[in-house]
Protein backbone atom coordinates (compact mmCIF):
# COMPACT_ATOMS: atom_id res chain seq x y z
CA MET A 1 -0.81 15.89 -94.37
CA THR A 2 -2.14 18.40 -96.90
CA ALA A 3 -4.70 21.07 -96.12
CA GLU A 4 -7.14 19.31 -98.47
CA GLN A 5 -6.82 16.04 -96.57
CA GLN A 6 -7.40 17.80 -93.24
CA ARG A 7 -10.47 19.57 -94.62
CA HIS A 8 -12.15 16.26 -95.47
CA ASP A 9 -11.19 14.38 -92.28
CA ILE A 10 -13.91 13.53 -89.77
CA ASN A 11 -14.56 16.32 -87.29
CA ASP A 12 -14.57 16.02 -83.49
CA LYS A 13 -18.37 15.80 -83.29
CA ALA A 14 -18.52 12.91 -85.73
CA TRP A 15 -15.59 11.19 -84.05
CA GLU A 16 -17.28 11.19 -80.65
CA LYS A 17 -20.34 9.55 -82.22
CA ILE A 18 -18.50 6.75 -83.94
CA ARG A 19 -15.63 6.10 -81.51
CA PRO A 20 -17.63 3.74 -79.22
CA HIS A 21 -18.28 1.49 -82.21
CA THR A 22 -14.64 1.14 -83.32
CA ILE A 23 -12.42 -1.82 -82.56
CA GLY A 24 -8.67 -2.31 -82.46
CA GLU A 25 -7.62 0.87 -80.65
CA LYS A 26 -4.52 0.70 -78.50
CA GLY A 27 -5.38 -0.94 -75.19
CA THR A 28 -8.42 -2.77 -76.57
CA ARG A 29 -8.70 -6.36 -77.68
CA GLY A 30 -7.05 -6.76 -81.07
CA GLY A 31 -5.47 -3.35 -80.80
CA ASN A 32 -2.85 -2.98 -83.50
CA ALA A 33 -3.43 0.48 -84.95
CA ARG A 34 -1.42 3.56 -84.14
CA ASP A 35 -4.36 5.85 -84.64
CA THR A 36 -7.89 4.57 -85.25
CA ARG A 37 -9.19 7.99 -86.20
CA GLN A 38 -6.45 8.36 -88.79
CA PHE A 39 -7.26 4.90 -90.11
CA ILE A 40 -10.91 5.89 -90.63
CA ASN A 41 -9.81 9.11 -92.34
CA GLY A 42 -7.71 6.99 -94.68
CA VAL A 43 -10.65 4.78 -95.59
CA PHE A 44 -12.78 7.85 -96.27
CA TRP A 45 -9.96 9.22 -98.46
CA ILE A 46 -10.17 6.06 -100.58
CA LEU A 47 -13.96 6.36 -100.83
CA ARG A 48 -13.81 10.03 -101.69
CA THR A 49 -11.13 9.82 -104.37
CA GLY A 50 -11.87 6.40 -105.86
CA ALA A 51 -8.11 5.71 -105.87
CA PRO A 52 -6.69 2.18 -105.54
CA TRP A 53 -5.52 1.21 -102.07
CA ARG A 54 -1.86 1.28 -103.07
CA ASP A 55 -2.17 5.05 -103.71
CA LEU A 56 -3.21 5.79 -100.12
CA PRO A 57 -1.03 8.65 -98.76
CA GLU A 58 1.51 7.40 -96.23
CA THR A 59 0.15 9.81 -93.60
CA TYR A 60 -2.75 7.37 -93.20
CA GLY A 61 -0.46 4.38 -92.70
CA ASN A 62 0.79 1.49 -94.78
CA TRP A 63 -1.86 0.81 -97.42
CA LYS A 64 -1.72 -2.96 -96.97
CA ASN A 65 -2.31 -2.68 -93.23
CA VAL A 66 -5.12 -0.18 -93.72
CA HIS A 67 -6.77 -2.43 -96.30
CA ARG A 68 -6.51 -5.52 -94.09
CA ARG A 69 -8.06 -3.64 -91.20
CA PHE A 70 -10.80 -2.27 -93.43
CA CYS A 71 -11.67 -5.85 -94.43
CA ARG A 72 -11.73 -7.02 -90.80
CA TRP A 73 -14.13 -4.22 -89.90
CA ARG A 74 -16.27 -5.03 -92.93
CA ASP A 75 -16.51 -8.70 -91.94
CA LYS A 76 -17.42 -7.79 -88.34
CA GLY A 77 -20.11 -5.29 -89.40
CA VAL A 78 -18.28 -2.31 -87.89
CA TRP A 79 -18.86 0.01 -90.85
CA GLU A 80 -22.63 -0.46 -90.66
CA LYS A 81 -22.54 0.52 -86.97
CA ILE A 82 -20.41 3.58 -87.74
CA LEU A 83 -22.73 4.82 -90.45
CA GLU A 84 -25.76 4.30 -88.23
CA ALA A 85 -24.03 6.16 -85.40
CA LEU A 86 -23.43 9.18 -87.62
CA GLY A 87 -27.19 9.60 -87.90
CA ASP A 88 -27.97 12.98 -89.46
CA GLU A 89 -24.34 14.03 -89.30
CA GLU A 90 -23.02 14.88 -92.76
CA TRP A 91 -20.79 12.09 -94.00
CA PRO A 92 -17.21 13.16 -94.76
CA VAL A 93 -17.40 11.73 -98.31
CA PRO A 94 -19.91 11.99 -101.16
CA VAL A 95 -21.62 8.65 -101.58
CA VAL A 96 -22.14 6.84 -104.89
CA TRP A 97 -24.30 3.72 -104.62
CA ASN A 98 -23.28 1.27 -107.34
CA CYS A 99 -25.66 -1.69 -107.58
CA GLY A 100 -27.25 -4.28 -109.83
CA GLY A 101 -30.76 -2.82 -109.52
CA TYR A 102 -32.19 -5.90 -107.77
CA GLU A 103 -32.86 -4.03 -104.53
CA LYS A 104 -35.69 -3.78 -102.04
CA PRO A 105 -37.14 -0.25 -101.77
CA GLU A 106 -37.33 -0.57 -97.98
CA THR A 107 -33.58 -1.17 -97.89
CA LEU A 108 -32.95 1.88 -100.06
CA ARG A 109 -35.15 4.03 -97.81
CA ARG A 110 -32.63 3.46 -95.01
CA LEU A 111 -30.12 5.35 -97.19
CA GLU A 112 -32.29 8.42 -97.69
CA GLY A 113 -30.26 11.60 -97.31
CA LYS A 114 -26.97 9.67 -97.35
CA VAL A 115 -26.51 8.90 -101.06
CA GLN A 116 -25.85 11.64 -103.59
CA VAL A 117 -25.59 9.50 -106.74
CA TYR A 118 -27.21 6.16 -107.55
CA LEU A 119 -25.71 4.00 -110.33
CA PRO A 120 -28.16 1.11 -110.77
CA ASP A 121 -28.07 -1.46 -113.53
CA LEU A 122 -31.33 -2.16 -115.32
CA LYS A 123 -30.29 -5.47 -116.80
CA TYR A 124 -33.58 -6.88 -117.97
CA GLY A 125 -36.96 -5.66 -119.18
CA LEU A 126 -38.20 -9.19 -119.88
CA SER A 127 -38.59 -12.05 -117.43
CA GLU A 128 -37.30 -14.75 -119.80
CA PRO A 129 -33.66 -13.54 -120.07
CA ALA A 130 -33.75 -12.48 -116.41
CA CYS A 131 -34.60 -16.03 -115.40
CA LYS A 132 -32.29 -17.64 -117.97
CA TYR A 133 -29.17 -15.63 -117.19
CA SER A 134 -29.66 -14.51 -113.59
CA GLY A 135 -32.21 -16.87 -112.10
CA ALA A 136 -34.43 -13.90 -111.23
CA ALA A 137 -37.64 -13.87 -113.25
CA ASP A 138 -38.94 -11.06 -111.04
CA TYR A 139 -35.89 -8.84 -111.67
CA PHE A 140 -37.71 -6.16 -113.67
CA ASP A 141 -40.50 -5.76 -111.12
CA TRP A 142 -38.03 -5.21 -108.28
CA ALA A 143 -35.62 -3.06 -110.30
CA LYS A 144 -38.38 -0.69 -111.43
CA ARG A 145 -39.48 -0.12 -107.84
CA ALA A 146 -35.90 0.31 -106.68
CA ILE A 147 -35.04 2.90 -109.34
CA LEU A 148 -38.19 4.87 -108.62
CA GLU A 149 -37.19 4.98 -104.94
CA MET A 150 -33.68 6.15 -105.89
CA PHE A 151 -35.13 8.94 -108.01
CA ARG A 152 -37.54 9.95 -105.25
CA GLN A 153 -34.55 10.49 -102.98
CA THR A 154 -32.23 12.37 -105.34
CA GLY A 155 -34.59 14.15 -107.72
CA PRO A 156 -33.39 15.20 -111.21
CA TYR A 157 -29.70 14.76 -111.93
CA ARG A 158 -27.34 17.68 -111.43
CA MET A 159 -24.01 18.18 -113.17
CA GLU A 160 -21.20 20.54 -112.13
CA ASN A 161 -18.14 21.07 -114.32
CA GLY A 162 -18.84 17.86 -116.17
CA LEU A 163 -19.22 15.81 -112.97
CA LEU A 164 -22.40 14.15 -111.76
CA LYS A 165 -23.08 15.58 -108.32
CA GLN A 166 -26.58 14.28 -107.70
CA GLY A 167 -29.10 11.99 -109.32
CA VAL A 168 -29.62 8.60 -110.91
CA LEU A 169 -27.64 7.13 -113.81
CA ILE A 170 -29.30 3.97 -115.15
CA ARG A 171 -26.99 1.54 -116.93
CA HIS A 172 -28.03 -1.13 -119.39
CA LEU A 173 -25.77 -3.67 -121.06
CA LEU A 174 -26.98 -4.89 -124.45
CA LEU A 175 -26.60 -8.66 -124.60
CA PRO A 176 -26.06 -10.56 -127.87
CA GLY A 177 -29.34 -11.77 -129.32
CA GLU A 178 -31.38 -9.83 -126.73
CA LEU A 179 -32.32 -6.66 -128.61
CA GLU A 180 -35.98 -7.01 -127.63
CA ASN A 181 -34.97 -7.06 -123.96
CA THR A 182 -33.08 -3.79 -124.48
CA ARG A 183 -36.10 -2.23 -126.20
CA ARG A 184 -38.31 -3.04 -123.21
CA VAL A 185 -35.78 -1.43 -120.86
CA ILE A 186 -35.63 1.69 -123.03
CA ASP A 187 -39.43 1.80 -123.25
CA TRP A 188 -39.76 1.88 -119.47
CA VAL A 189 -37.12 4.57 -118.99
CA ALA A 190 -38.64 6.77 -121.73
CA GLU A 191 -42.19 6.33 -120.42
CA THR A 192 -41.29 6.81 -116.76
CA PHE A 193 -38.91 9.79 -116.76
CA ARG A 194 -39.03 13.16 -118.45
CA PRO A 195 -36.01 14.69 -120.19
CA GLY A 196 -33.54 16.04 -117.65
CA GLU A 197 -34.62 13.73 -114.83
CA VAL A 198 -32.27 10.74 -115.14
CA LEU A 199 -29.23 9.75 -117.17
CA PHE A 200 -29.17 6.57 -119.24
CA SER A 201 -26.07 4.65 -120.32
CA LEU A 202 -26.45 2.14 -123.16
CA MET A 203 -23.42 -0.13 -122.99
CA SER A 204 -21.95 -2.39 -125.68
CA GLN A 205 -19.08 -3.88 -123.69
CA TYR A 206 -20.37 -7.44 -123.27
CA THR A 207 -17.35 -9.77 -123.49
CA PRO A 208 -17.84 -13.55 -123.84
CA GLN A 209 -16.31 -15.51 -120.99
CA PRO A 210 -14.70 -18.98 -121.15
CA GLY A 211 -17.36 -21.66 -121.14
CA ALA A 212 -20.12 -19.37 -122.43
CA ALA A 213 -22.57 -21.11 -124.76
CA GLY A 214 -25.29 -20.04 -127.15
CA PRO A 215 -25.70 -16.31 -127.81
CA LEU A 216 -23.52 -15.43 -124.81
CA ALA A 217 -20.56 -16.93 -126.65
CA TRP A 218 -20.78 -14.04 -129.14
CA HIS A 219 -20.00 -10.36 -129.04
CA VAL A 220 -22.76 -7.81 -129.63
CA THR A 221 -22.78 -7.09 -133.35
CA ARG A 222 -22.38 -3.65 -134.83
CA ALA A 223 -25.88 -3.92 -136.30
CA GLU A 224 -27.40 -4.83 -132.92
CA TYR A 225 -25.83 -1.88 -131.17
CA ARG A 226 -26.74 0.57 -133.93
CA ALA A 227 -30.34 -0.64 -133.77
CA ALA A 228 -30.39 -0.17 -129.98
CA VAL A 229 -28.99 3.37 -130.24
CA ARG A 230 -31.54 4.29 -132.91
CA TYR A 231 -34.35 2.94 -130.78
CA MET A 232 -33.14 4.92 -127.77
CA GLU A 233 -32.98 8.12 -129.83
CA ASN A 234 -36.40 7.49 -131.37
CA CYS A 235 -37.83 7.10 -127.87
CA GLY A 236 -36.55 10.58 -127.03
CA ILE A 237 -33.75 9.65 -124.64
CA ARG A 238 -31.02 12.26 -125.05
CA ASP A 239 -29.59 12.49 -121.53
CA GLY A 240 -26.91 9.90 -121.25
CA PHE A 241 -24.17 7.95 -122.90
CA THR A 242 -23.39 5.43 -125.62
CA GLN A 243 -20.24 3.36 -125.85
CA GLU A 244 -17.57 2.42 -128.35
CA ARG A 245 -17.68 -1.25 -129.30
CA THR A 246 -13.91 -1.37 -128.77
CA SER A 247 -14.64 -1.47 -125.03
CA ALA A 248 -15.71 -5.12 -125.44
CA ARG A 249 -12.22 -6.47 -124.92
CA GLU A 250 -10.85 -8.98 -122.45
CA GLU A 251 -8.28 -6.51 -121.10
CA TYR A 252 -11.15 -4.42 -119.69
CA THR A 253 -12.51 -7.40 -117.73
CA PRO A 254 -11.14 -7.57 -114.15
CA ALA A 255 -9.45 -10.79 -113.07
CA PHE A 256 -11.52 -10.82 -109.84
CA ASP A 257 -8.55 -12.25 -107.95
CA LEU A 258 -8.00 -9.21 -105.65
CA ARG A 259 -4.65 -8.38 -107.24
CA GLY A 260 -3.89 -4.69 -107.68
CA ILE A 261 -6.37 -3.47 -105.08
């Protein structure tokens, strides 16, 4: 095990807090792990690095076994108990909360002090496409409240050496034929946040899927995306990202069949 791995492993104080909530230790029902603490360190290594499971260092065990056990704990609610048990203890990994934006603020308040970076989608600014495509006419109302709660927790974004260390990055995917929806999203972001407070990512990567009908059977046109970028710039949004239209390719769409994890 490298010195870097040891430095990020859970310490003795944290271990004593979470150990009563673990399952599968030797001598307990379902025990099949050589070292539960090492297993947890391995999971935190995956969370910290963002690496695929197959790249897990062998010191943490066989990656397939670690992944299977991780899934069992997830299904049994063990991870929720572990995180609650840690309380105010600093988590051994930085936390990035990646979500669709359709969140309850009271749920997010339970995460206060635990999440360094929020990555919410802001899919819709109009109720009509929200209802049509996601069955959630109230999406914008909930997403606005959720993003405001995220920002209350993190404050203005902070970058270090080109990496986002703290803050909120709002993502919006332009849909074909829905430029007005994108304008309403941009309006809210520009009116709600001052420069330097949040990051905004305007994405062009929509890729039609088999069986799609109507506008969703098309790609976003070059003219649509240029118009959206101009509108964003005219609204004064400078902190964030735009995207190459070449990203709208099928090879960038996951198969969602759990292969390669």
